[in-house]
Structures are given as structure tokens and as C-alpha cells.
Amino acid sequence: MSLMILAIVVLILIIAGAAYYIFHQKTQMDELVMGYELDRDMWEDEANEMSLQYEGWMFNISNDSLVAQLATEQARVQRLQEELRTVRATDTRRINELKKELETLRSIMRNYVIQIDSLDQANKQLQKEKQEAVTQYRRASSQAANLQKEKEQLTERVTLASRLDATDIQINPVNSRGKTVKKIKQMQQFVVSFRIAKNITAQVGEKTVYVRIMRPDDDVLVKSRADVFAFEGKEINYSMKRIIEYDGEEAPVTLYWDIEEFLSPGEYRVDIFTDGNHIGRKAFSLEG
């Protein structure tokens, strides 16, 4: 009886020891599998980060060739990421192979980091040079505009300086004997005399001088309505004209108007033109 009891006790101890061993082994196995799963998840997360990095680069880079290369590498990372997601945690051989492949892809990515950083630095340099070129262009444009403005102002001053002036304008109504008279009914002729002032900046040569005699009602005295000249883009009538040879020195000019029309008392005026410019004016009154 005692031997049977002893055998039963020994059997129980053996069973208890075996159960403990199996439980201990299972616990170790569970911990090992959990470690494999954590390791696999870590590598999967890293692959995901690499894929996102490629995505960000492709979004910001305008180099088509480089974008195509990045897309190819991103596809490899995504394939690896998908396999890491589906491989069994206990398939350590395949996980190790995937880890090595991920290491290779990480090394390739480091090369792209260097290449993209270099490209970024080159782009920044180009942007800097572009901005400097734009600044220089704007400065040059501003200087050119200022020079053009100065040129126009100088041209305007030269034009104004070269413009002729009629001075000492005299209008004498005379009778048939050439004597100055005051009454309209005695007048036979207007003698209009003036001087073209000295101007060393004016163009010398032949010049046509036009004279307009204006009535009190602002109608011009003319012998023919066909007698016109150009002024400020229009054709206007003149009363008399004279061609002179101007050499830059003061030049006296005298013109004669034969009175053949009815004249009324009032304020008259004489306007003088040459070279397309109005160069003088003188008002005078006639008594009835």
C-alpha cells in the first residue's frame, strides 16, 4: 500500500513538474512572439516613415527625372511595408531578410537626402542670383527711365531754347502817301514790322514767317481762304507770309497789308508764326 502511495506521489510530482515546464516554455514562447511582433511593427513603422518622406519630396521637387526615381523607390518601400504587415511574427528568417532589404533602402534614401539637399542649396543659390538679377534689372530700368526723362527734359529745354521770338512788334496804319493815320477811312495799308531775335541755338537757314491779322470778332483778314499753314495739327489761315534767310543773328522783317475790306472800330491783334511755333503777338486799336 505504501509503495502505491509513493508511486502516486512521484507521478503527481512528475506531472506537476512537466506542467510547470510546459507553462514556463509557453510563457517564454509568448514573450518571444511578442518581441518578434514588436520588432516587426517597428520595422513596418520605419518603412511607413520612409514612404511618407518620399511622398513629401515628390510633392516639393520639380525635377521630373528625380521625381520618377523617387516614385520607384517609394514603390519598393511600400511593397516591403506591405510584406512586413502580412508576414508571420514567428517567420524570423523572412523578417531578417526584410530587415536587410529595409537597411538597403535606408542607405539609398540617405543618398537621396544628400542629392536633394544639394539640389535645394543649388535652388536657393539660383533664387538668390535671380533676385539679384531682378534687382539689377529694376535698378537699370529705373536708371534708363531717369536718363530717358532727363533726355526728354533736355530735349524740351533745347527745343524751347532754340525757339525764335518776335520782338519790337509794330503795326502802323498808313494812308496812300505812307503816313501814319488814326481814322479807318483814311487807312490804305497796314505796315507790320518786327525783329526775329538773335538765337545761336536755333537752326539757321530759310524760314517762312506767317502773320495773322485778327478782327475784333476774331476773324482773320485774308486775301484767299486757300492761304493756310500747319499749326498744332490743324490748317489755319494766314494774312501774309515772308520767306527770310535766318543766320542766328537778329533779323528785321516788314510786311504790308493792303486794306481792301471794310474795317470796323475795335481791338485788333497781330499773331506771328514760324517753324510751327507762335513767336509773337501785338494788339492794336482802330478808331472810326
Protein backbone atom coordinates (compact mmCIF):
# COMPACT_ATOMS: atom_id res chain seq x y z
CA MET A 1 0.00 0.00 0.00
CA SER A 2 2.76 2.34 0.91
CA LEU A 3 4.52 1.67 -2.39
CA MET A 4 1.42 2.57 -4.31
CA ILE A 5 1.06 5.81 -2.41
CA LEU A 6 4.70 6.58 -3.04
CA ALA A 7 4.25 5.87 -6.74
CA ILE A 8 1.21 8.11 -6.90
CA VAL A 9 3.13 10.93 -5.16
CA VAL A 10 6.06 10.54 -7.54
CA LEU A 11 3.66 10.56 -10.51
CA ILE A 12 1.99 13.70 -9.25
CA LEU A 13 5.35 15.38 -8.81
CA ILE A 14 6.38 14.38 -12.33
CA ILE A 15 3.11 15.68 -13.77
CA ALA A 16 3.42 18.93 -11.79
CA GLY A 17 7.00 19.40 -12.95
CA ALA A 18 6.02 18.72 -16.56
CA ALA A 19 3.12 21.17 -16.29
CA TYR A 20 5.42 23.83 -14.84
CA TYR A 21 7.96 23.24 -17.60
CA ILE A 22 5.32 23.44 -20.31
CA PHE A 23 3.86 26.62 -18.75
CA HIS A 24 7.32 28.17 -18.45
CA GLN A 25 8.14 27.28 -22.05
CA LYS A 26 4.80 28.69 -23.25
CA THR A 27 5.41 31.90 -21.33
CA GLN A 28 8.85 32.23 -22.87
CA MET A 29 7.41 31.48 -26.29
CA ASP A 30 4.66 34.08 -25.86
CA GLU A 31 7.24 36.67 -24.78
CA LEU A 32 9.42 35.73 -27.76
CA VAL A 33 6.49 36.06 -30.19
CA MET A 34 5.54 39.39 -28.66
CA GLY A 35 9.11 40.56 -29.12
CA TYR A 36 9.03 39.44 -32.74
CA GLU A 37 5.76 41.29 -33.26
CA LEU A 38 7.12 44.47 -31.69
CA ASP A 39 10.26 44.18 -33.81
CA ARG A 40 8.21 43.63 -36.96
CA ASP A 41 5.90 46.58 -36.13
CA MET A 42 8.92 48.81 -35.55
CA TRP A 43 10.35 47.99 -38.97
CA GLU A 44 6.92 48.46 -40.54
CA ASP A 45 6.64 51.91 -38.94
CA GLU A 46 10.07 52.82 -40.23
CA ALA A 47 9.08 51.72 -43.73
CA ASN A 48 5.95 53.88 -43.44
CA GLU A 49 8.04 56.91 -42.42
CA MET A 50 10.33 56.36 -45.41
CA SER A 51 7.33 56.16 -47.75
CA LEU A 52 5.96 59.43 -46.34
CA GLN A 53 9.38 61.04 -46.74
CA TYR A 54 9.45 60.06 -50.43
CA GLU A 55 5.91 61.41 -50.80
CA GLY A 56 6.94 64.79 -49.35
CA TRP A 57 9.97 65.04 -51.63
CA MET A 58 7.96 64.25 -54.76
CA PHE A 59 5.42 66.92 -53.82
CA ASN A 60 8.06 69.64 -53.48
CA ILE A 61 10.55 68.74 -56.22
CA SER A 62 10.02 69.94 -59.78
CA ASN A 63 12.77 67.83 -61.39
CA ASP A 64 10.80 65.22 -63.39
CA SER A 65 13.69 62.76 -63.64
CA LEU A 66 14.36 62.85 -59.89
CA VAL A 67 10.63 62.56 -59.13
CA ALA A 68 10.46 59.39 -61.27
CA GLN A 69 13.40 57.87 -59.33
CA LEU A 70 11.79 58.76 -56.01
CA ALA A 71 8.49 57.21 -57.11
CA THR A 72 10.31 53.96 -57.95
CA GLU A 73 11.99 53.86 -54.54
CA GLN A 74 8.73 54.71 -52.78
CA ALA A 75 7.03 51.78 -54.54
CA ARG A 76 9.81 49.43 -53.27
CA VAL A 77 9.35 50.75 -49.72
CA GLN A 78 5.57 50.33 -49.91
CA ARG A 79 5.96 46.74 -51.17
CA LEU A 80 8.31 46.00 -48.28
CA GLN A 81 5.91 47.71 -45.85
CA GLU A 82 3.02 45.55 -47.09
CA GLU A 83 5.03 42.36 -46.69
CA LEU A 84 6.08 43.33 -43.16
CA ARG A 85 2.42 43.87 -42.36
CA THR A 86 1.44 40.35 -43.51
CA VAL A 87 4.46 38.20 -42.60
CA ARG A 88 4.13 35.99 -39.52
CA ALA A 89 5.93 37.29 -36.48
CA THR A 90 7.50 33.87 -35.99
CA ASP A 91 8.93 33.78 -39.51
CA THR A 92 12.20 35.20 -38.30
CA ARG A 93 14.13 34.21 -41.39
CA ARG A 94 11.87 36.26 -43.70
CA ILE A 95 11.70 39.15 -41.24
CA ASN A 96 15.51 39.26 -41.13
CA GLU A 97 15.59 39.28 -44.93
CA LEU A 98 13.10 42.15 -44.98
CA LYS A 99 15.16 43.99 -42.36
CA LYS A 100 18.26 43.73 -44.57
CA GLU A 101 16.30 44.95 -47.57
CA LEU A 102 14.99 47.86 -45.49
CA GLU A 103 18.57 48.68 -44.48
CA THR A 104 19.49 48.79 -48.17
CA LEU A 105 16.54 51.09 -48.91
CA ARG A 106 17.54 53.30 -45.99
CA SER A 107 21.06 53.60 -47.42
CA ILE A 108 19.58 54.56 -50.81
CA MET A 109 17.40 57.14 -49.07
CA ARG A 110 20.46 58.67 -47.41
CA ASN A 111 21.96 59.19 -50.87
CA TYR A 112 18.75 60.89 -51.96
CA VAL A 113 18.88 63.09 -48.84
CA ILE A 114 22.35 64.27 -49.90
CA GLN A 115 21.23 64.74 -53.51
CA ILE A 116 18.06 66.63 -52.57
CA ASP A 117 19.93 68.79 -50.05
CA SER A 118 22.47 69.64 -52.75
CA LEU A 119 19.63 70.41 -55.17
CA ASP A 120 17.95 72.56 -52.54
CA GLN A 121 21.14 74.52 -51.95
CA ALA A 122 21.56 74.97 -55.70
CA ASN A 123 17.96 76.19 -55.99
CA LYS A 124 18.49 78.65 -53.14
CA GLN A 125 21.61 79.93 -54.88
CA LEU A 126 19.69 80.24 -58.15
CA GLN A 127 16.88 82.08 -56.37
CA LYS A 128 19.41 84.41 -54.80
CA GLU A 129 21.06 85.05 -58.17
CA LYS A 130 17.64 85.51 -59.78
CA GLN A 131 16.66 88.04 -57.11
CA GLU A 132 19.95 89.87 -57.57
CA ALA A 133 19.39 89.87 -61.35
CA VAL A 134 15.84 91.20 -60.88
CA THR A 135 17.14 93.90 -58.54
CA GLN A 136 19.87 94.86 -61.01
CA TYR A 137 17.33 94.87 -63.86
CA ARG A 138 14.96 97.10 -61.90
CA ARG A 139 17.83 99.39 -60.97
CA ALA A 140 18.97 99.53 -64.60
CA SER A 141 15.39 100.11 -65.77
CA SER A 142 14.99 102.89 -63.24
CA GLN A 143 18.28 104.45 -64.35
CA ALA A 144 17.25 104.11 -68.00
CA ALA A 145 13.88 105.70 -67.23
CA ASN A 146 15.62 108.55 -65.39
CA LEU A 147 18.05 109.00 -68.27
CA GLN A 148 15.15 109.00 -70.75
CA LYS A 149 13.33 111.55 -68.62
CA GLU A 150 16.45 113.69 -68.38
CA LYS A 151 16.93 113.33 -72.14
CA GLU A 152 13.35 114.41 -72.78
CA GLN A 153 13.71 117.33 -70.40
CA LEU A 154 16.98 118.30 -72.06
CA THR A 155 15.38 117.96 -75.49
CA GLU A 156 12.49 120.11 -74.30
CA ARG A 157 14.88 122.72 -72.94
CA VAL A 158 16.87 122.66 -76.17
CA THR A 159 13.66 122.95 -78.16
CA LEU A 160 12.50 125.86 -76.04
CA ALA A 161 15.93 127.47 -76.21
CA SER A 162 16.03 127.13 -80.00
CA ARG A 163 12.58 128.64 -80.46
CA LEU A 164 12.57 132.02 -82.17
CA ASP A 165 10.96 135.15 -80.73
CA ALA A 166 9.46 138.15 -82.49
CA THR A 167 10.28 141.38 -80.66
CA ASP A 168 9.57 145.08 -81.13
CA ILE A 169 6.32 144.38 -82.98
CA GLN A 170 4.85 147.49 -84.60
CA ILE A 171 1.58 147.90 -86.59
CA ASN A 172 1.26 151.20 -88.41
CA PRO A 173 -1.91 152.05 -90.35
CA VAL A 174 -0.82 154.39 -93.21
CA ASN A 175 -2.54 156.32 -95.97
CA SER A 176 -1.74 156.28 -99.66
CA ARG A 177 1.29 158.52 -99.07
CA GLY A 178 2.73 156.19 -96.40
CA LYS A 179 1.90 158.44 -93.46
CA THR A 180 0.52 157.05 -90.21
CA VAL A 181 -3.18 157.85 -89.74
CA LYS A 182 -5.68 157.16 -87.00
CA LYS A 183 -9.05 157.12 -88.74
CA ILE A 184 -10.17 153.97 -90.51
CA LYS A 185 -11.48 155.76 -93.56
CA GLN A 186 -8.00 157.23 -94.23
CA MET A 187 -6.18 153.88 -93.95
CA GLN A 188 -4.87 152.26 -97.10
CA GLN A 189 -2.37 149.81 -95.67
CA PHE A 190 -1.10 148.12 -92.50
CA VAL A 191 2.66 148.09 -92.13
CA VAL A 192 3.62 145.24 -89.78
CA SER A 193 7.27 145.26 -88.68
CA PHE A 194 9.18 143.28 -86.06
CA ARG A 195 12.53 141.68 -85.34
CA ILE A 196 13.40 138.00 -85.16
CA ALA A 197 15.61 137.93 -82.05
CA LYS A 198 19.16 136.62 -82.08
CA ASN A 199 19.34 132.94 -81.13
CA ILE A 200 22.56 130.96 -81.57
CA THR A 201 20.82 127.67 -80.68
CA ALA A 202 18.17 127.97 -83.40
CA GLN A 203 18.50 126.15 -86.70
CA VAL A 204 19.68 128.53 -89.40
CA GLY A 205 18.52 128.69 -92.99
CA GLU A 206 15.43 129.60 -94.90
CA LYS A 207 12.32 130.21 -92.80
CA THR A 208 8.76 131.11 -93.68
CA VAL A 209 7.19 133.70 -91.38
CA TYR A 210 3.38 133.87 -91.23
CA VAL A 211 1.35 136.83 -89.96
CA ARG A 212 -2.31 136.74 -88.99
CA ILE A 213 -4.29 139.98 -88.57
CA MET A 214 -7.37 139.34 -86.45
CA ARG A 215 -10.52 141.44 -86.43
CA PRO A 216 -12.33 142.34 -83.20
CA ASP A 217 -14.68 139.38 -83.90
CA ASP A 218 -11.64 137.04 -84.13
CA ASP A 219 -12.00 136.58 -87.89
CA VAL A 220 -8.70 136.64 -89.74
CA LEU A 221 -8.07 139.07 -92.62
CA VAL A 222 -7.25 137.03 -95.75
CA LYS A 223 -6.94 137.55 -99.45
CA SER A 224 -7.83 133.90 -100.09
CA ARG A 225 -9.24 131.18 -97.86
CA ALA A 226 -6.73 128.85 -99.51
CA ASP A 227 -3.88 130.69 -97.77
CA VAL A 228 -3.23 128.26 -94.88
CA PHE A 229 -0.33 126.81 -92.90
CA ALA A 230 0.04 123.97 -90.40
CA PHE A 231 -0.12 124.76 -86.70
CA GLU A 232 -0.68 122.32 -83.82
CA GLY A 233 -2.08 119.65 -86.11
CA LYS A 234 -4.52 121.93 -87.93
CA GLU A 235 -4.53 124.05 -91.09
CA ILE A 236 -5.19 127.71 -90.25
CA ASN A 237 -5.41 130.85 -92.41
CA TYR A 238 -2.76 133.50 -92.60
CA SER A 239 -2.93 137.09 -93.78
CA MET A 240 0.67 137.47 -95.02
CA LYS A 241 3.87 135.48 -95.23
CA ARG A 242 7.50 136.24 -95.86
CA ILE A 243 10.45 133.92 -96.57
CA ILE A 244 13.64 135.03 -94.83
CA GLU A 245 17.19 133.70 -94.56
CA TYR A 246 17.98 133.38 -90.86
CA ASP A 247 21.63 133.08 -89.73
CA GLY A 248 21.14 133.17 -85.95
CA GLU A 249 21.54 136.93 -85.74
CA GLU A 250 18.73 139.45 -85.23
CA ALA A 251 16.70 139.83 -88.43
CA PRO A 252 14.25 142.69 -89.18
CA VAL A 253 11.06 141.76 -91.02
CA THR A 254 8.44 144.06 -92.58
CA LEU A 255 5.17 143.03 -94.28
CA TYR A 256 2.44 145.12 -95.90
CA TRP A 257 -1.29 144.51 -95.91
CA ASP A 258 -3.39 146.39 -98.45
CA ILE A 259 -6.71 147.28 -96.86
CA GLU A 260 -9.42 146.24 -99.34
CA GLU A 261 -12.12 145.16 -96.89
CA PHE A 262 -14.45 147.01 -94.56
CA LEU A 263 -12.91 147.57 -91.13
CA SER A 264 -14.87 148.35 -88.01
CA PRO A 265 -13.54 150.16 -84.94
CA GLY A 266 -12.28 147.98 -82.11
CA GLU A 267 -9.43 145.88 -80.81
CA TYR A 268 -7.32 144.11 -83.43
CA ARG A 269 -4.27 141.92 -82.97
CA VAL A 270 -1.37 140.53 -84.94
CA ASP A 271 -0.01 137.00 -84.38
CA ILE A 272 3.35 135.87 -85.81
CA PHE A 273 4.40 132.26 -86.52
CA THR A 274 7.40 130.37 -87.84
CA ASP A 275 8.82 126.83 -87.55
CA GLY A 276 5.39 125.69 -86.33
CA ASN A 277 5.61 127.99 -83.29
CA HIS A 278 3.69 131.08 -82.20
CA ILE A 279 6.53 133.56 -81.70
CA GLY A 280 4.83 136.89 -81.04
CA ARG A 281 1.61 138.86 -80.58
CA LYS A 282 0.66 142.54 -80.54
CA ALA A 283 -2.76 144.12 -80.07
CA PHE A 284 -3.77 147.47 -81.55
CA SER A 285 -6.95 149.57 -81.69
CA LEU A 286 -8.66 151.28 -84.63
CA GLU A 287 -10.89 154.34 -84.29
CA GLY A 288 -13.86 155.05 -86.53
